[in-house]
PDB file of N, CA and C in Angstrom:
ATOM      1  N   MET A   1     -11.456 182.467 107.385  1.00  0.00           N
ATOM      2  CA  MET A   1     -10.409 183.235 108.058  1.00  0.00           C
ATOM      3  C   MET A   1      -9.887 184.491 107.521  1.00  0.00           C
ATOM      4  N   GLY A   2      -9.710 184.742 106.532  1.00  0.00           N
ATOM      5  CA  GLY A   2      -9.748 186.018 105.844  1.00  0.00           C
ATOM      6  C   GLY A   2      -8.176 186.450 105.967  1.00  0.00           C
ATOM      7  N   ARG A   3      -7.643 187.120 105.198  1.00  0.00           N
ATOM      8  CA  ARG A   3      -6.289 187.475 105.342  1.00  0.00           C
ATOM      9  C   ARG A   3      -5.635 188.036 106.497  1.00  0.00           C
ATOM     10  N   ARG A   4      -6.463 188.625 106.743  1.00  0.00           N
ATOM     11  CA  ARG A   4      -5.856 189.973 108.084  1.00  0.00           C
ATOM     12  C   ARG A   4      -5.853 189.023 108.989  1.00  0.00           C
ATOM     13  N   ASN A   5      -6.354 187.517 109.433  1.00  0.00           N
ATOM     14  CA  ASN A   5      -6.219 187.170 110.786  1.00  0.00           C
ATOM     15  C   ASN A   5      -5.794 185.663 110.130  1.00  0.00           C
ATOM     16  N   HIS A   6      -4.111 185.490 109.797  1.00  0.00           N
ATOM     17  CA  HIS A   6      -3.955 184.581 109.047  1.00  0.00           C
ATOM     18  C   HIS A   6      -2.046 184.251 109.827  1.00  0.00           C
ATOM     19  N   TYR A   7      -2.073 184.889 110.615  1.00  0.00           N
ATOM     20  CA  TYR A   7      -1.244 184.510 111.695  1.00  0.00           C
ATOM     21  C   TYR A   7      -0.847 184.103 112.660  1.00  0.00           C
ATOM     22  N   HIS A   8      -0.261 182.922 113.305  1.00  0.00           N
ATOM     23  CA  HIS A   8       0.152 182.094 114.174  1.00  0.00           C
ATOM     24  C   HIS A   8       1.201 181.684 114.920  1.00  0.00           C
ATOM     25  N   VAL A   9       0.799 181.635 116.492  1.00  0.00           N
ATOM     26  CA  VAL A   9       1.985 181.753 117.460  1.00  0.00           C
ATOM     27  C   VAL A   9       2.123 179.827 117.011  1.00  0.00           C
ATOM     28  N   TYR A  10       3.581 179.282 117.676  1.00  0.00           N
ATOM     29  CA  TYR A  10       3.606 178.123 117.429  1.00  0.00           C
ATOM     30  C   TYR A  10       4.967 177.691 118.673  1.00  0.00           C
ATOM     31  N   VAL A  11       4.911 176.607 118.941  1.00  0.00           N
ATOM     32  CA  VAL A  11       5.809 176.439 120.224  1.00  0.00           C
ATOM     33  C   VAL A  11       6.620 175.409 119.467  1.00  0.00           C
ATOM     34  N   ILE A  12       7.579 174.937 119.382  1.00  0.00           N
ATOM     35  CA  ILE A  12       8.530 173.746 119.254  1.00  0.00           C
ATOM     36  C   ILE A  12       9.657 173.354 120.358  1.00  0.00           C
ATOM     37  N   GLU A  13       9.229 172.142 120.635  1.00  0.00           N
ATOM     38  CA  GLU A  13       9.976 171.529 121.544  1.00  0.00           C
ATOM     39  C   GLU A  13      11.745 171.138 120.677  1.00  0.00           C
ATOM     40  N   LEU A  14      12.672 171.472 122.277  1.00  0.00           N
ATOM     41  CA  LEU A  14      14.458 171.270 121.944  1.00  0.00           C
ATOM     42  C   LEU A  14      14.516 170.269 122.533  1.00  0.00           C
ATOM     43  N   SER A  15      15.718 169.675 121.876  1.00  0.00           N
ATOM     44  CA  SER A  15      16.549 168.543 122.892  1.00  0.00           C
ATOM     45  C   SER A  15      17.328 169.373 124.039  1.00  0.00           C
ATOM     46  N   LYS A  16      17.182 168.377 125.018  1.00  0.00           N
ATOM     47  CA  LYS A  16      17.552 168.885 126.057  1.00  0.00           C
ATOM     48  C   LYS A  16      19.112 169.383 125.907  1.00  0.00           C
ATOM     49  N   ASP A  17      19.479 168.819 124.961  1.00  0.00           N
ATOM     50  CA  ASP A  17      21.031 169.346 124.593  1.00  0.00           C
ATOM     51  C   ASP A  17      21.028 170.830 124.809  1.00  0.00           C
ATOM     52  N   VAL A  18      20.023 171.576 124.149  1.00  0.00           N
ATOM     53  CA  VAL A  18      20.289 172.686 124.081  1.00  0.00           C
ATOM     54  C   VAL A  18      20.838 173.823 125.388  1.00  0.00           C
ATOM     55  N   LEU A  19      20.287 173.017 126.528  1.00  0.00           N
ATOM     56  CA  LEU A  19      20.984 172.936 127.734  1.00  0.00           C
ATOM     57  C   LEU A  19      22.168 173.569 128.137  1.00  0.00           C
ATOM     58  N   TYR A  20      23.127 173.065 127.166  1.00  0.00           N
ATOM     59  CA  TYR A  20      24.544 172.897 127.226  1.00  0.00           C
ATOM     60  C   TYR A  20      25.232 174.465 126.484  1.00  0.00           C
ATOM     61  N   LYS A  21      24.394 175.000 125.687  1.00  0.00           N
ATOM     62  CA  LYS A  21      24.810 176.458 125.521  1.00  0.00           C
ATOM     63  C   LYS A  21      24.597 177.566 126.693  1.00  0.00           C
ATOM     64  N   ALA A  22      25.466 177.868 126.753  1.00  0.00           N
ATOM     65  CA  ALA A  22      25.392 179.417 127.657  1.00  0.00           C
ATOM     66  C   ALA A  22      24.158 180.028 127.277  1.00  0.00           C
ATOM     67  N   ARG A  23      24.197 181.023 126.311  1.00  0.00           N
ATOM     68  CA  ARG A  23      23.314 181.755 125.910  1.00  0.00           C
ATOM     69  C   ARG A  23      21.667 181.175 126.561  1.00  0.00           C
ATOM     70  N   PHE A  24      21.627 180.043 126.507  1.00  0.00           N
ATOM     71  CA  PHE A  24      20.260 179.401 126.141  1.00  0.00           C
ATOM     72  C   PHE A  24      19.714 179.217 127.794  1.00  0.00           C
ATOM     73  N   LYS A  25      21.177 178.453 128.734  1.00  0.00           N
ATOM     74  CA  LYS A  25      21.006 178.600 129.904  1.00  0.00           C
ATOM     75  C   LYS A  25      20.719 180.107 130.985  1.00  0.00           C
ATOM     76  N   LYS A  26      21.551 180.933 130.060  1.00  0.00           N
ATOM     77  CA  LYS A  26      21.523 182.021 131.098  1.00  0.00           C
ATOM     78  C   LYS A  26      20.304 182.965 130.514  1.00  0.00           C
ATOM     79  N   ALA A  27      19.750 182.986 129.947  1.00  0.00           N
ATOM     80  CA  ALA A  27      18.158 183.242 129.302  1.00  0.00           C
ATOM     81  C   ALA A  27      17.257 182.493 130.432  1.00  0.00           C
ATOM     82  N   ASN A  28      17.489 181.299 131.131  1.00  0.00           N
ATOM     83  CA  ASN A  28      16.282 180.454 131.519  1.00  0.00           C
ATOM     84  C   ASN A  28      17.163 180.280 133.076  1.00  0.00           C
ATOM     85  N   PRO A  29      17.431 181.043 133.768  1.00  0.00           N
ATOM     86  CA  PRO A  29      18.108 180.921 135.082  1.00  0.00           C
ATOM     87  C   PRO A  29      16.949 180.884 136.218  1.00  0.00           C
ATOM     88  N   ASP A  30      15.703 179.967 135.673  1.00  0.00           N
ATOM     89  CA  ASP A  30      14.579 179.987 136.635  1.00  0.00           C
ATOM     90  C   ASP A  30      13.769 178.200 135.892  1.00  0.00           C
ATOM     91  N   TYR A  31      15.123 177.769 135.319  1.00  0.00           N
ATOM     92  CA  TYR A  31      14.427 176.529 134.170  1.00  0.00           C
ATOM     93  C   TYR A  31      14.268 175.381 135.722  1.00  0.00           C
ATOM     94  N   ILE A  32      13.234 174.835 135.560  1.00  0.00           N
ATOM     95  CA  ILE A  32      13.090 173.477 136.454  1.00  0.00           C
ATOM     96  C   ILE A  32      13.276 172.298 135.617  1.00  0.00           C
ATOM     97  N   PRO A  33      14.408 171.753 136.069  1.00  0.00           N
ATOM     98  CA  PRO A  33      15.201 170.168 135.384  1.00  0.00           C
ATOM     99  C   PRO A  33      13.814 169.533 135.365  1.00  0.00           C
ATOM    100  N   GLY A  34      13.765 169.011 134.215  1.00  0.00           N
ATOM    101  CA  GLY A  34      12.728 167.771 133.738  1.00  0.00           C
ATOM    102  C   GLY A  34      11.593 168.408 132.906  1.00  0.00           C
ATOM    103  N   LYS A  35      11.419 169.823 133.053  1.00  0.00           N
ATOM    104  CA  LYS A  35      10.285 170.728 132.299  1.00  0.00           C
ATOM    105  C   LYS A  35      10.967 170.394 130.708  1.00  0.00           C
ATOM    106  N   PRO A  36       9.951 170.729 130.025  1.00  0.00           N
ATOM    107  CA  PRO A  36      10.276 170.735 128.179  1.00  0.00           C
ATOM    108  C   PRO A  36      11.133 172.108 127.794  1.00  0.00           C
ATOM    109  N   CYS A  37      12.391 172.369 126.958  1.00  0.00           N
ATOM    110  CA  CYS A  37      12.595 173.520 126.154  1.00  0.00           C
ATOM    111  C   CYS A  37      11.972 173.556 125.493  1.00  0.00           C
ATOM    112  N   VAL A  38      11.988 174.732 124.425  1.00  0.00           N
ATOM    113  CA  VAL A  38      11.120 174.904 123.605  1.00  0.00           C
ATOM    114  C   VAL A  38      11.275 176.450 123.455  1.00  0.00           C
ATOM    115  N   TYR A  39      10.967 176.392 121.938  1.00  0.00           N
ATOM    116  CA  TYR A  39      11.279 177.757 120.816  1.00  0.00           C
ATOM    117  C   TYR A  39       9.923 178.185 120.891  1.00  0.00           C
ATOM    118  N   VAL A  40       9.588 179.558 121.037  1.00  0.00           N
ATOM    119  CA  VAL A  40       8.261 180.138 120.725  1.00  0.00           C
ATOM    120  C   VAL A  40       8.047 180.880 119.330  1.00  0.00           C
ATOM    121  N   GLY A  41       7.603 181.157 118.585  1.00  0.00           N
ATOM    122  CA  GLY A  41       7.836 181.841 117.447  1.00  0.00           C
ATOM    123  C   GLY A  41       6.157 182.230 117.219  1.00  0.00           C
ATOM    124  N   MET A  42       5.986 183.038 116.023  1.00  0.00           N
ATOM    125  CA  MET A  42       4.859 183.394 115.220  1.00  0.00           C
ATOM    126  C   MET A  42       5.290 183.684 113.745  1.00  0.00           C
ATOM    127  N   THR A  43       4.203 183.448 113.022  1.00  0.00           N
ATOM    128  CA  THR A  43       4.574 183.125 111.418  1.00  0.00           C
ATOM    129  C   THR A  43       3.039 183.685 110.753  1.00  0.00           C
ATOM    130  N   GLY A  44       3.058 183.717 109.461  1.00  0.00           N
ATOM    131  CA  GLY A  44       2.674 184.077 108.516  1.00  0.00           C
ATOM    132  C   GLY A  44       1.760 182.684 108.009  1.00  0.00           C
ATOM    133  N   LEU A  45       3.048 182.039 108.077  1.00  0.00           N
ATOM    134  CA  LEU A  45       2.482 180.475 107.574  1.00  0.00           C
ATOM    135  C   LEU A  45       1.575 179.424 108.548  1.00  0.00           C
ATOM    136  N   GLU A  46       1.808 178.219 108.010  1.00  0.00           N
ATOM    137  CA  GLU A  46       1.445 177.120 108.549  1.00  0.00           C
ATOM    138  C   GLU A  46       2.454 176.855 109.767  1.00  0.00           C
ATOM    139  N   PRO A  47       2.019 176.327 111.060  1.00  0.00           N
ATOM    140  CA  PRO A  47       3.229 176.083 111.924  1.00  0.00           C
ATOM    141  C   PRO A  47       3.934 174.992 111.069  1.00  0.00           C
ATOM    142  N   ASP A  48       2.859 173.784 111.145  1.00  0.00           N
ATOM    143  CA  ASP A  48       4.269 172.891 110.028  1.00  0.00           C
ATOM    144  C   ASP A  48       5.002 173.671 109.548  1.00  0.00           C
ATOM    145  N   VAL A  49       4.507 174.089 108.181  1.00  0.00           N
ATOM    146  CA  VAL A  49       5.394 174.974 107.523  1.00  0.00           C
ATOM    147  C   VAL A  49       6.466 175.649 107.831  1.00  0.00           C
ATOM    148  N   ARG A  50       6.287 176.221 108.798  1.00  0.00           N
ATOM    149  CA  ARG A  50       7.425 176.859 109.327  1.00  0.00           C
ATOM    150  C   ARG A  50       8.461 176.173 110.554  1.00  0.00           C
ATOM    151  N   PHE A  51       8.072 175.005 110.621  1.00  0.00           N
ATOM    152  CA  PHE A  51       8.755 174.279 111.373  1.00  0.00           C
ATOM    153  C   PHE A  51       9.690 173.557 110.385  1.00  0.00           C
ATOM    154  N   ASP A  52       9.628 173.254 109.351  1.00  0.00           N
ATOM    155  CA  ASP A  52       9.965 172.383 108.235  1.00  0.00           C
ATOM    156  C   ASP A  52      10.989 173.660 107.813  1.00  0.00           C
ATOM    157  N   LYS A  53      10.528 174.848 107.379  1.00  0.00           N
ATOM    158  CA  LYS A  53      11.854 175.595 106.939  1.00  0.00           C
ATOM    159  C   LYS A  53      12.795 176.324 108.156  1.00  0.00           C
ATOM    160  N   HIS A  54      12.527 176.092 109.333  1.00  0.00           N
ATOM    161  CA  HIS A  54      13.403 175.931 110.250  1.00  0.00           C
ATOM    162  C   HIS A  54      14.172 174.924 110.341  1.00  0.00           C
ATOM    163  N   LYS A  55      13.710 173.226 110.171  1.00  0.00           N
ATOM    164  CA  LYS A  55      14.906 172.749 110.220  1.00  0.00           C
ATOM    165  C   LYS A  55      15.577 172.803 108.385  1.00  0.00           C
ATOM    166  N   ALA A  56      15.260 173.263 107.476  1.00  0.00           N
ATOM    167  CA  ALA A  56      15.978 173.471 106.535  1.00  0.00           C
ATOM    168  C   ALA A  56      16.763 174.622 106.218  1.00  0.00           C
ATOM    169  N   GLY A  57      17.001 175.323 107.552  1.00  0.00           N
ATOM    170  CA  GLY A  57      17.547 176.301 107.137  1.00  0.00           C
ATOM    171  C   GLY A  57      17.209 177.539 106.542  1.00  0.00           C
ATOM    172  N   ILE A  58      15.867 177.581 106.547  1.00  0.00           N
ATOM    173  CA  ILE A  58      15.229 178.886 105.625  1.00  0.00           C
ATOM    174  C   ILE A  58      14.642 179.499 106.535  1.00  0.00           C
ATOM    175  N   GLN A  59      15.527 181.169 106.579  1.00  0.00           N
ATOM    176  CA  GLN A  59      15.211 181.850 107.747  1.00  0.00           C
ATOM    177  C   GLN A  59      14.647 181.306 109.418  1.00  0.00           C
ATOM    178  N   SER A  60      15.916 180.279 109.504  1.00  0.00           N
ATOM    179  CA  SER A  60      15.679 179.513 110.779  1.00  0.00           C
ATOM    180  C   SER A  60      16.523 180.092 111.983  1.00  0.00           C
ATOM    181  N   ASN A  61      16.135 179.900 113.224  1.00  0.00           N
ATOM    182  CA  ASN A  61      16.710 180.285 114.239  1.00  0.00           C
ATOM    183  C   ASN A  61      17.253 178.974 114.319  1.00  0.00           C
ATOM    184  N   ARG A  62      18.772 179.258 114.913  1.00  0.00           N
ATOM    185  CA  ARG A  62      19.929 177.840 115.222  1.00  0.00           C
ATOM    186  C   ARG A  62      19.219 177.417 115.806  1.00  0.00           C
ATOM    187  N   TYR A  63      18.656 177.649 117.493  1.00  0.00           N
ATOM    188  CA  TYR A  63      18.566 176.310 118.037  1.00  0.00           C
ATOM    189  C   TYR A  63      17.557 175.331 117.578  1.00  0.00           C
ATOM    190  N   VAL A  64      16.433 175.771 117.076  1.00  0.00           N
ATOM    191  CA  VAL A  64      15.141 175.342 116.085  1.00  0.00           C
ATOM    192  C   VAL A  64      16.138 174.353 115.069  1.00  0.00           C
ATOM    193  N   LYS A  65      17.318 174.834 114.109  1.00  0.00           N
ATOM    194  CA  LYS A  65      17.200 173.716 113.301  1.00  0.00           C
ATOM    195  C   LYS A  65      18.121 172.905 113.831  1.00  0.00           C
ATOM    196  N   GLU A  66      19.085 173.122 114.872  1.00  0.00           N
ATOM    197  CA  GLU A  66      19.892 172.174 115.448  1.00  0.00           C
ATOM    198  C   GLU A  66      18.986 171.288 116.760  1.00  0.00           C
ATOM    199  N   PHE A  67      18.731 171.768 117.413  1.00  0.00           N
ATOM    200  CA  PHE A  67      17.972 171.215 118.537  1.00  0.00           C
ATOM    201  C   PHE A  67      16.764 171.003 118.124  1.00  0.00           C
ATOM    202  N   GLY A  68      15.477 171.486 117.079  1.00  0.00           N
ATOM    203  CA  GLY A  68      14.254 171.043 117.144  1.00  0.00           C
ATOM    204  C   GLY A  68      13.731 169.750 116.966  1.00  0.00           C
ATOM    205  N   LEU A  69      12.583 169.426 117.346  1.00  0.00           N
ATOM    206  CA  LEU A  69      12.397 167.880 117.554  1.00  0.00           C
ATOM    207  C   LEU A  69      10.738 167.941 117.140  1.00  0.00           C
ATOM    208  N   ARG A  70      10.046 168.729 117.191  1.00  0.00           N
ATOM    209  CA  ARG A  70       8.455 168.777 117.545  1.00  0.00           C
ATOM    210  C   ARG A  70       7.597 170.032 117.707  1.00  0.00           C
ATOM    211  N   LEU A  71       6.977 170.022 116.665  1.00  0.00           N
ATOM    212  CA  LEU A  71       5.939 170.834 117.181  1.00  0.00           C
ATOM    213  C   LEU A  71       4.684 170.778 118.593  1.00  0.00           C
ATOM    214  N   LEU A  72       4.525 171.125 119.445  1.00  0.00           N
ATOM    215  CA  LEU A  72       3.991 171.315 120.512  1.00  0.00           C
ATOM    216  C   LEU A  72       2.466 171.946 120.646  1.00  0.00           C
ATOM    217  N   PRO A  73       1.152 171.449 119.435  1.00  0.00           N
ATOM    218  CA  PRO A  73       0.418 172.068 119.155  1.00  0.00           C
ATOM    219  C   PRO A  73      -0.644 172.401 120.240  1.00  0.00           C
ATOM    220  N   ASP A  74      -0.504 171.345 121.391  1.00  0.00           N
ATOM    221  CA  ASP A  74      -1.354 171.344 122.542  1.00  0.00           C
ATOM    222  C   ASP A  74      -1.229 172.608 123.404  1.00  0.00           C
ATOM    223  N   LEU A  75      -0.016 173.213 123.202  1.00  0.00           N
ATOM    224  CA  LEU A  75       0.384 174.830 123.889  1.00  0.00           C
ATOM    225  C   LEU A  75      -0.152 176.105 123.555  1.00  0.00           C
ATOM    226  N   TYR A  76      -0.162 176.092 121.984  1.00  0.00           N
ATOM    227  CA  TYR A  76      -0.570 176.753 121.242  1.00  0.00           C
ATOM    228  C   TYR A  76      -1.937 176.821 119.954  1.00  0.00           C
ATOM    229  N   GLU A  77      -2.457 175.955 120.000  1.00  0.00           N
ATOM    230  CA  GLU A  77      -3.279 175.741 118.759  1.00  0.00           C
ATOM    231  C   GLU A  77      -4.816 176.939 119.204  1.00  0.00           C
ATOM    232  N   VAL A  78      -4.847 176.652 120.375  1.00  0.00           N
ATOM    233  CA  VAL A  78      -6.088 177.442 120.950  1.00  0.00           C
ATOM    234  C   VAL A  78      -5.807 179.014 120.643  1.00  0.00           C
ATOM    235  N   TYR A  79      -5.004 179.553 120.098  1.00  0.00           N
ATOM    236  CA  TYR A  79      -4.995 180.876 119.890  1.00  0.00           C
ATOM    237  C   TYR A  79      -4.881 181.259 118.558  1.00  0.00           C
ATOM    238  N   ASN A  80      -4.881 180.387 117.482  1.00  0.00           N
ATOM    239  CA  ASN A  80      -4.868 180.260 116.559  1.00  0.00           C
ATOM    240  C   ASN A  80      -5.565 180.470 115.605  1.00  0.00           C
ATOM    241  N   PRO A  81      -6.313 180.801 114.235  1.00  0.00           N
ATOM    242  CA  PRO A  81      -5.220 182.166 113.861  1.00  0.00           C
ATOM    243  C   PRO A  81      -5.638 183.240 114.473  1.00  0.00           C
ATOM    244  N   MET A  82      -4.852 184.243 113.960  1.00  0.00           N
ATOM    245  CA  MET A  82      -4.967 185.709 114.673  1.00  0.00           C
ATOM    246  C   MET A  82      -4.407 187.131 113.814  1.00  0.00           C
ATOM    247  N   PRO A  83      -4.650 187.899 114.247  1.00  0.00           N
ATOM    248  CA  PRO A  83      -4.223 189.029 113.397  1.00  0.00           C
ATOM    249  C   PRO A  83      -2.904 189.230 113.612  1.00  0.00           C
ATOM    250  N   TYR A  84      -1.950 189.791 112.932  1.00  0.00           N
ATOM    251  CA  TYR A  84      -0.601 190.276 112.936  1.00  0.00           C
ATOM    252  C   TYR A  84      -0.066 190.514 114.421  1.00  0.00           C
ATOM    253  N   ASP A  85      -1.023 191.958 115.308  1.00  0.00           N
ATOM    254  CA  ASP A  85      -0.626 192.057 116.283  1.00  0.00           C
ATOM    255  C   ASP A  85      -0.753 191.465 117.045  1.00  0.00           C
ATOM    256  N   GLY A  86      -1.705 190.773 117.034  1.00  0.00           N
ATOM    257  CA  GLY A  86      -2.317 190.017 117.976  1.00  0.00           C
ATOM    258  C   GLY A  86      -1.348 188.741 118.355  1.00  0.00           C
ATOM    259  N   ALA A  87      -0.762 188.295 116.980  1.00  0.00           N
ATOM    260  CA  ALA A  87       0.419 187.226 117.431  1.00  0.00           C
ATOM    261  C   ALA A  87       1.808 188.001 117.766  1.00  0.00           C
ATOM    262  N   CYS A  88       1.725 188.886 117.449  1.00  0.00           N
ATOM    263  CA  CYS A  88       2.879 189.303 118.021  1.00  0.00           C
ATOM    264  C   CYS A  88       3.063 189.356 119.517  1.00  0.00           C
ATOM    265  N   ASP A  89       2.025 189.987 119.750  1.00  0.00           N
ATOM    266  CA  ASP A  89       1.672 190.317 121.924  1.00  0.00           C
ATOM    267  C   ASP A  89       1.770 188.600 122.301  1.00  0.00           C
ATOM    268  N   MET A  90       0.994 187.772 121.708  1.00  0.00           N
ATOM    269  CA  MET A  90       0.668 186.428 122.310  1.00  0.00           C
ATOM    270  C   MET A  90       2.182 185.661 121.997  1.00  0.00           C
ATOM    271  N   GLU A  91       2.763 186.109 121.049  1.00  0.00           N
ATOM    272  CA  GLU A  91       4.280 185.210 121.066  1.00  0.00           C
ATOM    273  C   GLU A  91       5.519 185.821 122.169  1.00  0.00           C
ATOM    274  N   VAL A  92       4.854 186.867 122.595  1.00  0.00           N
ATOM    275  CA  VAL A  92       5.610 187.437 124.093  1.00  0.00           C
ATOM    276  C   VAL A  92       4.889 186.667 125.238  1.00  0.00           C
ATOM    277  N   GLU A  93       3.681 186.849 125.427  1.00  0.00           N
ATOM    278  CA  GLU A  93       2.993 186.562 126.541  1.00  0.00           C
ATOM    279  C   GLU A  93       2.872 185.141 126.728  1.00  0.00           C
ATOM    280  N   LEU A  94       2.961 184.078 125.517  1.00  0.00           N
ATOM    281  CA  LEU A  94       3.615 182.649 125.584  1.00  0.00           C
ATOM    282  C   LEU A  94       4.433 182.127 126.314  1.00  0.00           C
ATOM    283  N   ALA A  95       5.343 183.071 125.408  1.00  0.00           N
ATOM    284  CA  ALA A  95       6.980 182.508 126.258  1.00  0.00           C
ATOM    285  C   ALA A  95       6.801 183.351 127.644  1.00  0.00           C
ATOM    286  N   ILE A  96       6.195 184.319 128.306  1.00  0.00           N
ATOM    287  CA  ILE A  96       6.559 184.506 129.428  1.00  0.00           C
ATOM    288  C   ILE A  96       5.849 183.682 130.495  1.00  0.00           C
ATOM    289  N   GLY A  97       4.763 183.165 129.519  1.00  0.00           N
ATOM    290  CA  GLY A  97       3.848 182.432 130.670  1.00  0.00           C
ATOM    291  C   GLY A  97       4.466 180.840 130.769  1.00  0.00           C
ATOM    292  N   LEU A  98       5.263 180.608 129.921  1.00  0.00           N
ATOM    293  CA  LEU A  98       6.001 179.123 129.647  1.00  0.00           C
ATOM    294  C   LEU A  98       7.402 178.874 130.624  1.00  0.00           C
ATOM    295  N   ARG A  99       7.839 180.123 130.802  1.00  0.00           N
ATOM    296  CA  ARG A  99       9.091 180.541 131.484  1.00  0.00           C
ATOM    297  C   ARG A  99       8.502 180.632 133.119  1.00  0.00           C
ATOM    298  N   GLU A 100       7.723 180.756 133.140  1.00  0.00           N
ATOM    299  CA  GLU A 100       7.332 181.184 134.855  1.00  0.00           C
ATOM    300  C   GLU A 100       6.665 179.914 135.200  1.00  0.00           C
ATOM    301  N   GLU A 101       6.305 178.871 134.041  1.00  0.00           N
ATOM    302  CA  GLU A 101       5.966 176.822 134.650  1.00  0.00           C
ATOM    303  C   GLU A 101       7.398 176.509 134.580  1.00  0.00           C
ATOM    304  N   GLY A 102       8.481 177.048 134.535  1.00  0.00           N
ATOM    305  CA  GLY A 102       9.868 176.337 134.419  1.00  0.00           C
ATOM    306  C   GLY A 102      10.238 175.962 133.620  1.00  0.00           C
ATOM    307  N   TYR A 103       9.652 176.357 132.203  1.00  0.00           N
ATOM    308  CA  TYR A 103      10.251 175.248 131.074  1.00  0.00           C
ATOM    309  C   TYR A 103      11.546 176.751 130.175  1.00  0.00           C
ATOM    310  N   GLY A 104      12.020 175.766 129.860  1.00  0.00           N
ATOM    311  CA  GLY A 104      13.680 176.564 128.721  1.00  0.00           C
ATOM    312  C   GLY A 104      13.151 176.993 128.143  1.00  0.00           C
ATOM    313  N   VAL A 105      12.753 178.171 127.222  1.00  0.00           N
ATOM    314  CA  VAL A 105      12.288 179.276 126.436  1.00  0.00           C
ATOM    315  C   VAL A 105      13.449 180.101 125.691  1.00  0.00           C
ATOM    316  N   TRP A 106      13.344 179.750 124.689  1.00  0.00           N
ATOM    317  CA  TRP A 106      13.808 180.596 123.404  1.00  0.00           C
ATOM    318  C   TRP A 106      12.690 181.625 122.566  1.00  0.00           C
ATOM    319  N   GLN A 107      12.716 182.566 122.897  1.00  0.00           N
ATOM    320  CA  GLN A 107      11.708 183.562 121.514  1.00  0.00           C
ATOM    321  C   GLN A 107      12.868 184.322 120.588  1.00  0.00           C
ATOM    322  N   ALA A 108      11.861 184.366 119.202  1.00  0.00           N
ATOM    323  CA  ALA A 108      12.783 185.068 118.422  1.00  0.00           C
ATOM    324  C   ALA A 108      12.719 186.484 118.537  1.00  0.00           C
TER     325      ALA A 108
END
């Protein structure tokens, strides 16, 4: 894999309770009820390690810490691992794509 290509994008399913947060709702005006709510991120760690850090409050996104349920590897595994620039771009593209499909999306 090499040190250059050790970055990952990841997707975390969030509890539907996140829809009660005004900022989340405002960021997702085209959310389709029934679709998952997710957080999309990128990391130099393995996604499961990063998820654990979020839940422990270590450099955590507040929505993941409070509402994070589980990783959704079917939505991101195909892209990993990749170089840093690729992960930065893919994080944005993946978030846009999921939002276009009606998901509720929060991206760091």
